[in-house]
Amino acid sequence: RFAFLTLDPKFGDPAYRSWLLDRNMAESVVDVIIRSMTTLNRSISEERQLGRSYQIGHSFFCPRGNDFSELNMDWFRQVVTTEIQPLVEEYWFDDPDKAKNLIVDIFGVA
């Protein structure tokens, strides 16, 4: 009746990196997205209560349009604080210190 297909995040895929760069996103922002989200997803995957299926996908960092030249580190931090951080806090609802430390350590956002 149902089929399940696991779709892993592809932050490390060269096609994703190229897609962002081809739309004029600064390479420094692209590098931060890829590095930080790969690190966060590794932590999520290694968490016994969560695992691989709770990894966060790249859609949060796939804005509309074809010109990302104005999307800078302020934009990145806004996505982290409004989208990623609440997810992390929900994942570790029973350990808020761990959630906070992950956000601070990985993203530098308090």
PDB file of N, CA and C in Angstrom:
ATOM      1  N   ARG A   1       0.789  -1.187   0.000  1.00  0.00           N
ATOM      2  CA  ARG A   1       0.000   0.000   0.000  1.00  0.00           C
ATOM      3  C   ARG A   1       0.842   1.267   0.000  1.00  0.00           C
ATOM      4  N   PHE A   2       1.877   1.228   0.793  1.00  0.00           N
ATOM      5  CA  PHE A   2       2.734   2.404   0.877  1.00  0.00           C
ATOM      6  C   PHE A   2       4.159   2.004   0.556  1.00  0.00           C
ATOM      7  N   ALA A   3       4.849   2.898  -0.044  1.00  0.00           N
ATOM      8  CA  ALA A   3       6.278   2.695  -0.292  1.00  0.00           C
ATOM      9  C   ALA A   3       7.010   3.826   0.401  1.00  0.00           C
ATOM     10  N   PHE A   4       8.115   3.493   1.017  1.00  0.00           N
ATOM     11  CA  PHE A   4       8.919   4.495   1.699  1.00  0.00           C
ATOM     12  C   PHE A   4      10.267   4.574   1.022  1.00  0.00           C
ATOM     13  N   LEU A   5      10.670   5.769   0.764  1.00  0.00           N
ATOM     14  CA  LEU A   5      11.940   6.012   0.114  1.00  0.00           C
ATOM     15  C   LEU A   5      12.715   7.003   0.969  1.00  0.00           C
ATOM     16  N   THR A   6      13.884   6.616   1.397  1.00  0.00           N
ATOM     17  CA  THR A   6      14.708   7.496   2.214  1.00  0.00           C
ATOM     18  C   THR A   6      15.441   8.475   1.315  1.00  0.00           C
ATOM     19  N   LEU A   7      15.270   9.742   1.607  1.00  0.00           N
ATOM     20  CA  LEU A   7      15.966  10.793   0.884  1.00  0.00           C
ATOM     21  C   LEU A   7      16.932  11.466   1.850  1.00  0.00           C
ATOM     22  N   ASP A   8      18.190  11.205   1.673  1.00  0.00           N
ATOM     23  CA  ASP A   8      19.195  11.813   2.532  1.00  0.00           C
ATOM     24  C   ASP A   8      19.507  13.223   2.065  1.00  0.00           C
ATOM     25  N   PRO A   9      19.798  14.122   3.009  1.00  0.00           N
ATOM     26  CA  PRO A   9      20.227  15.467   2.616  1.00  0.00           C
ATOM     27  C   PRO A   9      21.487  15.387   1.770  1.00  0.00           C
ATOM     28  N   LYS A  10      21.613  16.271   0.828  1.00  0.00           N
ATOM     29  CA  LYS A  10      22.738  16.243  -0.108  1.00  0.00           C
ATOM     30  C   LYS A  10      23.598  17.503  -0.011  1.00  0.00           C
ATOM     31  N   PHE A  11      23.860  17.959   1.211  1.00  0.00           N
ATOM     32  CA  PHE A  11      24.683  19.158   1.375  1.00  0.00           C
ATOM     33  C   PHE A  11      26.065  18.984   0.754  1.00  0.00           C
ATOM     34  N   GLY A  12      26.609  17.783   0.804  1.00  0.00           N
ATOM     35  CA  GLY A  12      27.943  17.547   0.269  1.00  0.00           C
ATOM     36  C   GLY A  12      27.992  17.264  -1.221  1.00  0.00           C
ATOM     37  N   ASP A  13      26.852  17.215  -1.858  1.00  0.00           N
ATOM     38  CA  ASP A  13      26.809  16.921  -3.285  1.00  0.00           C
ATOM     39  C   ASP A  13      27.309  18.122  -4.090  1.00  0.00           C
ATOM     40  N   PRO A  14      28.261  17.918  -4.977  1.00  0.00           N
ATOM     41  CA  PRO A  14      28.761  19.030  -5.795  1.00  0.00           C
ATOM     42  C   PRO A  14      27.665  19.742  -6.590  1.00  0.00           C
ATOM     43  N   ALA A  15      26.611  19.037  -6.954  1.00  0.00           N
ATOM     44  CA  ALA A  15      25.516  19.661  -7.707  1.00  0.00           C
ATOM     45  C   ALA A  15      24.803  20.713  -6.862  1.00  0.00           C
ATOM     46  N   TYR A  16      24.648  20.469  -5.558  1.00  0.00           N
ATOM     47  CA  TYR A  16      24.008  21.449  -4.679  1.00  0.00           C
ATOM     48  C   TYR A  16      24.887  22.690  -4.550  1.00  0.00           C
ATOM     49  N   ARG A  17      26.164  22.463  -4.334  1.00  0.00           N
ATOM     50  CA  ARG A  17      27.117  23.577  -4.235  1.00  0.00           C
ATOM     51  C   ARG A  17      27.078  24.413  -5.521  1.00  0.00           C
ATOM     52  N   SER A  18      27.120  23.749  -6.660  1.00  0.00           N
ATOM     53  CA  SER A  18      27.089  24.445  -7.949  1.00  0.00           C
ATOM     54  C   SER A  18      25.787  25.207  -8.140  1.00  0.00           C
ATOM     55  N   TRP A  19      24.678  24.625  -7.714  1.00  0.00           N
ATOM     56  CA  TRP A  19      23.386  25.274  -7.848  1.00  0.00           C
ATOM     57  C   TRP A  19      23.381  26.611  -7.116  1.00  0.00           C
ATOM     58  N   LEU A  20      23.910  26.628  -5.895  1.00  0.00           N
ATOM     59  CA  LEU A  20      23.980  27.876  -5.124  1.00  0.00           C
ATOM     60  C   LEU A  20      24.940  28.877  -5.763  1.00  0.00           C
ATOM     61  N   LEU A  21      26.108  28.410  -6.159  1.00  0.00           N
ATOM     62  CA  LEU A  21      27.107  29.302  -6.749  1.00  0.00           C
ATOM     63  C   LEU A  21      26.640  29.848  -8.097  1.00  0.00           C
ATOM     64  N   ASP A  22      25.957  29.028  -8.873  1.00  0.00           N
ATOM     65  CA  ASP A  22      25.449  29.473 -10.180  1.00  0.00           C
ATOM     66  C   ASP A  22      24.410  30.584 -10.044  1.00  0.00           C
ATOM     67  N   ARG A  23      23.845  30.714  -8.850  1.00  0.00           N
ATOM     68  CA  ARG A  23      22.860  31.766  -8.587  1.00  0.00           C
ATOM     69  C   ARG A  23      23.483  32.919  -7.795  1.00  0.00           C
ATOM     70  N   ASN A  24      24.806  32.982  -7.846  1.00  0.00           N
ATOM     71  CA  ASN A  24      25.577  34.102  -7.295  1.00  0.00           C
ATOM     72  C   ASN A  24      25.615  34.181  -5.779  1.00  0.00           C
ATOM     73  N   MET A  25      25.385  33.082  -5.083  1.00  0.00           N
ATOM     74  CA  MET A  25      25.568  33.115  -3.639  1.00  0.00           C
ATOM     75  C   MET A  25      27.069  33.154  -3.367  1.00  0.00           C
ATOM     76  N   ALA A  26      27.456  33.944  -2.390  1.00  0.00           N
ATOM     77  CA  ALA A  26      28.867  34.062  -2.038  1.00  0.00           C
ATOM     78  C   ALA A  26      29.417  32.700  -1.615  1.00  0.00           C
ATOM     79  N   GLU A  27      30.599  32.385  -2.102  1.00  0.00           N
ATOM     80  CA  GLU A  27      31.210  31.098  -1.790  1.00  0.00           C
ATOM     81  C   GLU A  27      31.382  30.901  -0.291  1.00  0.00           C
ATOM     82  N   SER A  28      31.669  31.972   0.424  1.00  0.00           N
ATOM     83  CA  SER A  28      31.843  31.854   1.876  1.00  0.00           C
ATOM     84  C   SER A  28      30.537  31.422   2.554  1.00  0.00           C
ATOM     85  N   VAL A  29      29.402  31.910   2.081  1.00  0.00           N
ATOM     86  CA  VAL A  29      28.103  31.518   2.637  1.00  0.00           C
ATOM     87  C   VAL A  29      27.803  30.063   2.280  1.00  0.00           C
ATOM     88  N   VAL A  30      28.072  29.693   1.048  1.00  0.00           N
ATOM     89  CA  VAL A  30      27.866  28.309   0.608  1.00  0.00           C
ATOM     90  C   VAL A  30      28.682  27.362   1.481  1.00  0.00           C
ATOM     91  N   ASP A  31      29.937  27.706   1.721  1.00  0.00           N
ATOM     92  CA  ASP A  31      30.802  26.852   2.542  1.00  0.00           C
ATOM     93  C   ASP A  31      30.262  26.696   3.962  1.00  0.00           C
ATOM     94  N   VAL A  32      29.757  27.782   4.537  1.00  0.00           N
ATOM     95  CA  VAL A  32      29.204  27.724   5.891  1.00  0.00           C
ATOM     96  C   VAL A  32      27.950  26.847   5.922  1.00  0.00           C
ATOM     97  N   ILE A  33      27.088  26.989   4.941  1.00  0.00           N
ATOM     98  CA  ILE A  33      25.881  26.163   4.880  1.00  0.00           C
ATOM     99  C   ILE A  33      26.270  24.689   4.845  1.00  0.00           C
ATOM    100  N   ILE A  34      27.139  24.347   3.931  1.00  0.00           N
ATOM    101  CA  ILE A  34      27.512  22.946   3.747  1.00  0.00           C
ATOM    102  C   ILE A  34      28.195  22.387   4.988  1.00  0.00           C
ATOM    103  N   ARG A  35      29.159  23.122   5.514  1.00  0.00           N
ATOM    104  CA  ARG A  35      29.916  22.640   6.677  1.00  0.00           C
ATOM    105  C   ARG A  35      29.025  22.502   7.917  1.00  0.00           C
ATOM    106  N   SER A  36      28.258  23.537   8.214  1.00  0.00           N
ATOM    107  CA  SER A  36      27.476  23.520   9.450  1.00  0.00           C
ATOM    108  C   SER A  36      26.338  22.500   9.397  1.00  0.00           C
ATOM    109  N   MET A  37      25.658  22.409   8.281  1.00  0.00           N
ATOM    110  CA  MET A  37      24.547  21.466   8.190  1.00  0.00           C
ATOM    111  C   MET A  37      25.026  20.021   8.135  1.00  0.00           C
ATOM    112  N   THR A  38      26.175  19.793   7.535  1.00  0.00           N
ATOM    113  CA  THR A  38      26.755  18.446   7.549  1.00  0.00           C
ATOM    114  C   THR A  38      27.104  18.050   8.980  1.00  0.00           C
ATOM    115  N   THR A  39      27.671  18.968   9.729  1.00  0.00           N
ATOM    116  CA  THR A  39      28.019  18.707  11.125  1.00  0.00           C
ATOM    117  C   THR A  39      26.773  18.443  11.960  1.00  0.00           C
ATOM    118  N   LEU A  40      25.747  19.292  11.799  1.00  0.00           N
ATOM    119  CA  LEU A  40      24.508  19.095  12.548  1.00  0.00           C
ATOM    120  C   LEU A  40      23.870  17.755  12.204  1.00  0.00           C
ATOM    121  N   ASN A  41      23.802  17.430  10.933  1.00  0.00           N
ATOM    122  CA  ASN A  41      23.189  16.161  10.532  1.00  0.00           C
ATOM    123  C   ASN A  41      23.966  14.962  11.044  1.00  0.00           C
ATOM    124  N   ARG A  42      25.253  15.082  11.163  1.00  0.00           N
ATOM    125  CA  ARG A  42      26.056  14.004  11.748  1.00  0.00           C
ATOM    126  C   ARG A  42      25.646  13.798  13.210  1.00  0.00           C
ATOM    127  N   SER A  43      25.476  14.902  13.948  1.00  0.00           N
ATOM    128  CA  SER A  43      25.046  14.802  15.350  1.00  0.00           C
ATOM    129  C   SER A  43      23.659  14.187  15.457  1.00  0.00           C
ATOM    130  N   ILE A  44      22.769  14.584  14.583  1.00  0.00           N
ATOM    131  CA  ILE A  44      21.416  14.027  14.582  1.00  0.00           C
ATOM    132  C   ILE A  44      21.454  12.533  14.274  1.00  0.00           C
ATOM    133  N   SER A  45      22.224  12.150  13.281  1.00  0.00           N
ATOM    134  CA  SER A  45      22.316  10.736  12.886  1.00  0.00           C
ATOM    135  C   SER A  45      22.872   9.863  13.996  1.00  0.00           C
ATOM    136  N   GLU A  46      23.807  10.410  14.756  1.00  0.00           N
ATOM    137  CA  GLU A  46      24.462   9.641  15.816  1.00  0.00           C
ATOM    138  C   GLU A  46      23.627   9.563  17.093  1.00  0.00           C
ATOM    139  N   GLU A  47      22.601  10.381  17.178  1.00  0.00           N
ATOM    140  CA  GLU A  47      21.737  10.384  18.369  1.00  0.00           C
ATOM    141  C   GLU A  47      20.826   9.167  18.335  1.00  0.00           C
ATOM    142  N   ARG A  48      20.917   8.333  19.353  1.00  0.00           N
ATOM    143  CA  ARG A  48      20.155   7.086  19.392  1.00  0.00           C
ATOM    144  C   ARG A  48      18.650   7.304  19.292  1.00  0.00           C
ATOM    145  N   GLN A  49      18.141   8.357  19.911  1.00  0.00           N
ATOM    146  CA  GLN A  49      16.701   8.613  19.893  1.00  0.00           C
ATOM    147  C   GLN A  49      16.214   9.207  18.572  1.00  0.00           C
ATOM    148  N   LEU A  50      17.127   9.682  17.751  1.00  0.00           N
ATOM    149  CA  LEU A  50      16.749  10.314  16.484  1.00  0.00           C
ATOM    150  C   LEU A  50      17.182   9.435  15.318  1.00  0.00           C
ATOM    151  N   GLY A  51      18.424   9.547  14.928  1.00  0.00           N
ATOM    152  CA  GLY A  51      18.929   8.736  13.827  1.00  0.00           C
ATOM    153  C   GLY A  51      18.841   9.436  12.483  1.00  0.00           C
ATOM    154  N   ARG A  52      19.229   8.714  11.483  1.00  0.00           N
ATOM    155  CA  ARG A  52      19.362   9.221  10.120  1.00  0.00           C
ATOM    156  C   ARG A  52      18.083   9.839   9.561  1.00  0.00           C
ATOM    157  N   SER A  53      16.948   9.292   9.897  1.00  0.00           N
ATOM    158  CA  SER A  53      15.694   9.782   9.314  1.00  0.00           C
ATOM    159  C   SER A  53      15.288  11.167   9.829  1.00  0.00           C
ATOM    160  N   TYR A  54      15.963  11.672  10.845  1.00  0.00           N
ATOM    161  CA  TYR A  54      15.663  13.002  11.379  1.00  0.00           C
ATOM    162  C   TYR A  54      16.596  14.087  10.850  1.00  0.00           C
ATOM    163  N   GLN A  55      17.475  13.730   9.946  1.00  0.00           N
ATOM    164  CA  GLN A  55      18.382  14.732   9.392  1.00  0.00           C
ATOM    165  C   GLN A  55      17.582  15.864   8.733  1.00  0.00           C
ATOM    166  N   ILE A  56      18.183  17.035   8.741  1.00  0.00           N
ATOM    167  CA  ILE A  56      17.540  18.224   8.200  1.00  0.00           C
ATOM    168  C   ILE A  56      17.981  18.410   6.750  1.00  0.00           C
ATOM    169  N   GLY A  57      17.021  18.587   5.876  1.00  0.00           N
ATOM    170  CA  GLY A  57      17.298  18.702   4.445  1.00  0.00           C
ATOM    171  C   GLY A  57      17.728  20.087   4.015  1.00  0.00           C
ATOM    172  N   HIS A  58      18.102  20.165   2.768  1.00  0.00           N
ATOM    173  CA  HIS A  58      18.658  21.392   2.217  1.00  0.00           C
ATOM    174  C   HIS A  58      17.604  22.402   1.771  1.00  0.00           C
ATOM    175  N   SER A  59      16.336  22.052   1.843  1.00  0.00           N
ATOM    176  CA  SER A  59      15.301  22.969   1.355  1.00  0.00           C
ATOM    177  C   SER A  59      15.285  24.299   2.098  1.00  0.00           C
ATOM    178  N   PHE A  60      15.731  24.315   3.343  1.00  0.00           N
ATOM    179  CA  PHE A  60      15.783  25.570   4.100  1.00  0.00           C
ATOM    180  C   PHE A  60      16.745  26.568   3.456  1.00  0.00           C
ATOM    181  N   PHE A  61      17.670  26.049   2.684  1.00  0.00           N
ATOM    182  CA  PHE A  61      18.695  26.883   2.058  1.00  0.00           C
ATOM    183  C   PHE A  61      18.572  26.877   0.533  1.00  0.00           C
ATOM    184  N   CYS A  62      17.334  26.731   0.053  1.00  0.00           N
ATOM    185  CA  CYS A  62      17.026  26.789  -1.373  1.00  0.00           C
ATOM    186  C   CYS A  62      15.968  27.863  -1.603  1.00  0.00           C
ATOM    187  N   PRO A  63      16.376  29.114  -1.550  1.00  0.00           N
ATOM    188  CA  PRO A  63      15.395  30.191  -1.700  1.00  0.00           C
ATOM    189  C   PRO A  63      14.859  30.279  -3.129  1.00  0.00           C
ATOM    190  N   ARG A  64      13.789  31.037  -3.266  1.00  0.00           N
ATOM    191  CA  ARG A  64      13.207  31.273  -4.593  1.00  0.00           C
ATOM    192  C   ARG A  64      14.086  32.224  -5.379  1.00  0.00           C
ATOM    193  N   GLY A  65      13.906  32.186  -6.663  1.00  0.00           N
ATOM    194  CA  GLY A  65      14.600  33.123  -7.534  1.00  0.00           C
ATOM    195  C   GLY A  65      15.877  32.561  -8.117  1.00  0.00           C
ATOM    196  N   ASN A  66      16.551  33.416  -8.864  1.00  0.00           N
ATOM    197  CA  ASN A  66      17.769  32.999  -9.553  1.00  0.00           C
ATOM    198  C   ASN A  66      18.976  33.843  -9.208  1.00  0.00           C
ATOM    199  N   ASP A  67      18.806  34.802  -8.311  1.00  0.00           N
ATOM    200  CA  ASP A  67      19.926  35.644  -7.921  1.00  0.00           C
ATOM    201  C   ASP A  67      20.020  35.677  -6.405  1.00  0.00           C
ATOM    202  N   PHE A  68      21.015  34.969  -5.884  1.00  0.00           N
ATOM    203  CA  PHE A  68      21.199  34.858  -4.437  1.00  0.00           C
ATOM    204  C   PHE A  68      22.322  35.771  -3.948  1.00  0.00           C
ATOM    205  N   SER A  69      22.722  36.732  -4.766  1.00  0.00           N
ATOM    206  CA  SER A  69      23.880  37.568  -4.428  1.00  0.00           C
ATOM    207  C   SER A  69      23.657  38.391  -3.155  1.00  0.00           C
ATOM    208  N   GLU A  70      22.422  38.673  -2.800  1.00  0.00           N
ATOM    209  CA  GLU A  70      22.157  39.459  -1.595  1.00  0.00           C
ATOM    210  C   GLU A  70      21.963  38.596  -0.352  1.00  0.00           C
ATOM    211  N   LEU A  71      22.001  37.285  -0.516  1.00  0.00           N
ATOM    212  CA  LEU A  71      21.833  36.383   0.624  1.00  0.00           C
ATOM    213  C   LEU A  71      23.188  36.192   1.290  1.00  0.00           C
ATOM    214  N   ASN A  72      23.346  36.847   2.416  1.00  0.00           N
ATOM    215  CA  ASN A  72      24.636  36.874   3.102  1.00  0.00           C
ATOM    216  C   ASN A  72      24.547  36.117   4.429  1.00  0.00           C
ATOM    217  N   MET A  73      25.513  36.352   5.292  1.00  0.00           N
ATOM    218  CA  MET A  73      25.537  35.661   6.580  1.00  0.00           C
ATOM    219  C   MET A  73      24.376  36.089   7.475  1.00  0.00           C
ATOM    220  N   ASP A  74      23.880  37.298   7.321  1.00  0.00           N
ATOM    221  CA  ASP A  74      22.692  37.705   8.089  1.00  0.00           C
ATOM    222  C   ASP A  74      21.492  36.844   7.700  1.00  0.00           C
ATOM    223  N   TRP A  75      21.325  36.611   6.392  1.00  0.00           N
ATOM    224  CA  TRP A  75      20.258  35.732   5.909  1.00  0.00           C
ATOM    225  C   TRP A  75      20.439  34.325   6.478  1.00  0.00           C
ATOM    226  N   PHE A  76      21.659  33.817   6.433  1.00  0.00           N
ATOM    227  CA  PHE A  76      21.945  32.484   6.959  1.00  0.00           C
ATOM    228  C   PHE A  76      21.568  32.393   8.442  1.00  0.00           C
ATOM    229  N   ARG A  77      22.000  33.368   9.235  1.00  0.00           N
ATOM    230  CA  ARG A  77      21.691  33.362  10.667  1.00  0.00           C
ATOM    231  C   ARG A  77      20.183  33.436  10.911  1.00  0.00           C
ATOM    232  N   GLN A  78      19.467  34.180  10.075  1.00  0.00           N
ATOM    233  CA  GLN A  78      18.020  34.258  10.216  1.00  0.00           C
ATOM    234  C   GLN A  78      17.371  32.900   9.951  1.00  0.00           C
ATOM    235  N   VAL A  79      17.829  32.206   8.929  1.00  0.00           N
ATOM    236  CA  VAL A  79      17.300  30.865   8.644  1.00  0.00           C
ATOM    237  C   VAL A  79      17.595  29.939   9.826  1.00  0.00           C
ATOM    238  N   VAL A  80      18.792  30.039  10.364  1.00  0.00           N
ATOM    239  CA  VAL A  80      19.153  29.188  11.503  1.00  0.00           C
ATOM    240  C   VAL A  80      18.258  29.485  12.700  1.00  0.00           C
ATOM    241  N   THR A  81      18.087  30.752  13.046  1.00  0.00           N
ATOM    242  CA  THR A  81      17.326  31.081  14.260  1.00  0.00           C
ATOM    243  C   THR A  81      15.820  30.871  14.105  1.00  0.00           C
ATOM    244  N   THR A  82      15.296  31.011  12.897  1.00  0.00           N
ATOM    245  CA  THR A  82      13.847  30.876  12.721  1.00  0.00           C
ATOM    246  C   THR A  82      13.406  29.490  12.249  1.00  0.00           C
ATOM    247  N   GLU A  83      14.306  28.721  11.652  1.00  0.00           N
ATOM    248  CA  GLU A  83      13.939  27.424  11.093  1.00  0.00           C
ATOM    249  C   GLU A  83      14.696  26.252  11.726  1.00  0.00           C
ATOM    250  N   ILE A  84      16.011  26.347  11.752  1.00  0.00           N
ATOM    251  CA  ILE A  84      16.840  25.225  12.202  1.00  0.00           C
ATOM    252  C   ILE A  84      16.829  25.104  13.727  1.00  0.00           C
ATOM    253  N   GLN A  85      17.044  26.199  14.421  1.00  0.00           N
ATOM    254  CA  GLN A  85      17.081  26.165  15.878  1.00  0.00           C
ATOM    255  C   GLN A  85      15.798  25.602  16.489  1.00  0.00           C
ATOM    256  N   PRO A  86      14.611  26.030  16.047  1.00  0.00           N
ATOM    257  CA  PRO A  86      13.396  25.423  16.615  1.00  0.00           C
ATOM    258  C   PRO A  86      13.306  23.911  16.393  1.00  0.00           C
ATOM    259  N   LEU A  87      13.774  23.437  15.255  1.00  0.00           N
ATOM    260  CA  LEU A  87      13.792  21.988  15.015  1.00  0.00           C
ATOM    261  C   LEU A  87      14.724  21.278  15.989  1.00  0.00           C
ATOM    262  N   VAL A  88      15.908  21.842  16.160  1.00  0.00           N
ATOM    263  CA  VAL A  88      16.884  21.249  17.074  1.00  0.00           C
ATOM    264  C   VAL A  88      16.328  21.247  18.497  1.00  0.00           C
ATOM    265  N   GLU A  89      15.695  22.329  18.884  1.00  0.00           N
ATOM    266  CA  GLU A  89      15.099  22.395  20.223  1.00  0.00           C
ATOM    267  C   GLU A  89      13.974  21.370  20.384  1.00  0.00           C
ATOM    268  N   GLU A  90      13.232  21.141  19.334  1.00  0.00           N
ATOM    269  CA  GLU A  90      12.187  20.115  19.386  1.00  0.00           C
ATOM    270  C   GLU A  90      12.792  18.720  19.462  1.00  0.00           C
ATOM    271  N   TYR A  91      13.834  18.477  18.698  1.00  0.00           N
ATOM    272  CA  TYR A  91      14.494  17.170  18.714  1.00  0.00           C
ATOM    273  C   TYR A  91      15.028  16.836  20.101  1.00  0.00           C
ATOM    274  N   TRP A  92      15.625  17.808  20.764  1.00  0.00           N
ATOM    275  CA  TRP A  92      16.201  17.601  22.088  1.00  0.00           C
ATOM    276  C   TRP A  92      15.373  18.326  23.147  1.00  0.00           C
ATOM    277  N   PHE A  93      14.049  18.186  23.065  1.00  0.00           N
ATOM    278  CA  PHE A  93      13.161  18.866  24.018  1.00  0.00           C
ATOM    279  C   PHE A  93      13.468  18.466  25.455  1.00  0.00           C
ATOM    280  N   ASP A  94      13.958  17.259  25.644  1.00  0.00           N
ATOM    281  CA  ASP A  94      14.249  16.767  26.982  1.00  0.00           C
ATOM    282  C   ASP A  94      15.682  17.101  27.433  1.00  0.00           C
ATOM    283  N   ASP A  95      16.439  17.756  26.579  1.00  0.00           N
ATOM    284  CA  ASP A  95      17.807  18.154  26.908  1.00  0.00           C
ATOM    285  C   ASP A  95      18.094  19.517  26.273  1.00  0.00           C
ATOM    286  N   PRO A  96      17.460  20.571  26.805  1.00  0.00           N
ATOM    287  CA  PRO A  96      17.603  21.889  26.190  1.00  0.00           C
ATOM    288  C   PRO A  96      19.040  22.408  26.171  1.00  0.00           C
ATOM    289  N   ASP A  97      19.841  21.983  27.148  1.00  0.00           N
ATOM    290  CA  ASP A  97      21.242  22.413  27.144  1.00  0.00           C
ATOM    291  C   ASP A  97      21.992  21.844  25.940  1.00  0.00           C
ATOM    292  N   LYS A  98      21.718  20.597  25.617  1.00  0.00           N
ATOM    293  CA  LYS A  98      22.359  19.995  24.450  1.00  0.00           C
ATOM    294  C   LYS A  98      21.940  20.724  23.179  1.00  0.00           C
ATOM    295  N   ALA A  99      20.658  21.023  23.051  1.00  0.00           N
ATOM    296  CA  ALA A  99      20.170  21.742  21.874  1.00  0.00           C
ATOM    297  C   ALA A  99      20.851  23.094  21.755  1.00  0.00           C
ATOM    298  N   LYS A 100      20.908  23.817  22.850  1.00  0.00           N
ATOM    299  CA  LYS A 100      21.539  25.140  22.838  1.00  0.00           C
ATOM    300  C   LYS A 100      23.018  25.038  22.490  1.00  0.00           C
ATOM    301  N   ASN A 101      23.704  24.067  23.098  1.00  0.00           N
ATOM    302  CA  ASN A 101      25.139  23.904  22.820  1.00  0.00           C
ATOM    303  C   ASN A 101      25.397  23.546  21.368  1.00  0.00           C
ATOM    304  N   LEU A 102      24.566  22.716  20.768  1.00  0.00           N
ATOM    305  CA  LEU A 102      24.729  22.372  19.368  1.00  0.00           C
ATOM    306  C   LEU A 102      24.592  23.617  18.489  1.00  0.00           C
ATOM    307  N   ILE A 103      23.581  24.413  18.742  1.00  0.00           N
ATOM    308  CA  ILE A 103      23.360  25.624  17.949  1.00  0.00           C
ATOM    309  C   ILE A 103      24.538  26.589  18.100  1.00  0.00           C
ATOM    310  N   VAL A 104      24.987  26.771  19.334  1.00  0.00           N
ATOM    311  CA  VAL A 104      26.115  27.692  19.569  1.00  0.00           C
ATOM    312  C   VAL A 104      27.395  27.149  18.949  1.00  0.00           C
ATOM    313  N   ASP A 105      27.691  25.869  19.189  1.00  0.00           N
ATOM    314  CA  ASP A 105      28.938  25.272  18.704  1.00  0.00           C
ATOM    315  C   ASP A 105      28.995  25.198  17.183  1.00  0.00           C
ATOM    316  N   ILE A 106      27.907  24.824  16.559  1.00  0.00           N
ATOM    317  CA  ILE A 106      27.905  24.615  15.107  1.00  0.00           C
ATOM    318  C   ILE A 106      27.686  25.917  14.347  1.00  0.00           C
ATOM    319  N   PHE A 107      26.761  26.727  14.814  1.00  0.00           N
ATOM    320  CA  PHE A 107      26.364  27.923  14.061  1.00  0.00           C
ATOM    321  C   PHE A 107      26.868  29.234  14.644  1.00  0.00           C
ATOM    322  N   GLY A 108      27.324  29.200  15.876  1.00  0.00           N
ATOM    323  CA  GLY A 108      27.772  30.423  16.517  1.00  0.00           C
ATOM    324  C   GLY A 108      26.643  31.370  16.840  1.00  0.00           C
ATOM    325  N   VAL A 109      25.433  30.823  16.969  1.00  0.00           N
ATOM    326  CA  VAL A 109      24.247  31.628  17.260  1.00  0.00           C
ATOM    327  C   VAL A 109      23.806  31.309  18.681  1.00  0.00           C
ATOM    328  N   ALA A 110      23.547  32.342  19.454  1.00  0.00           N
ATOM    329  CA  ALA A 110      23.117  32.114  20.854  1.00  0.00           C
ATOM    330  C   ALA A 110      21.621  32.213  20.992  1.00  0.00           C
TER     331      ALA A 110
END
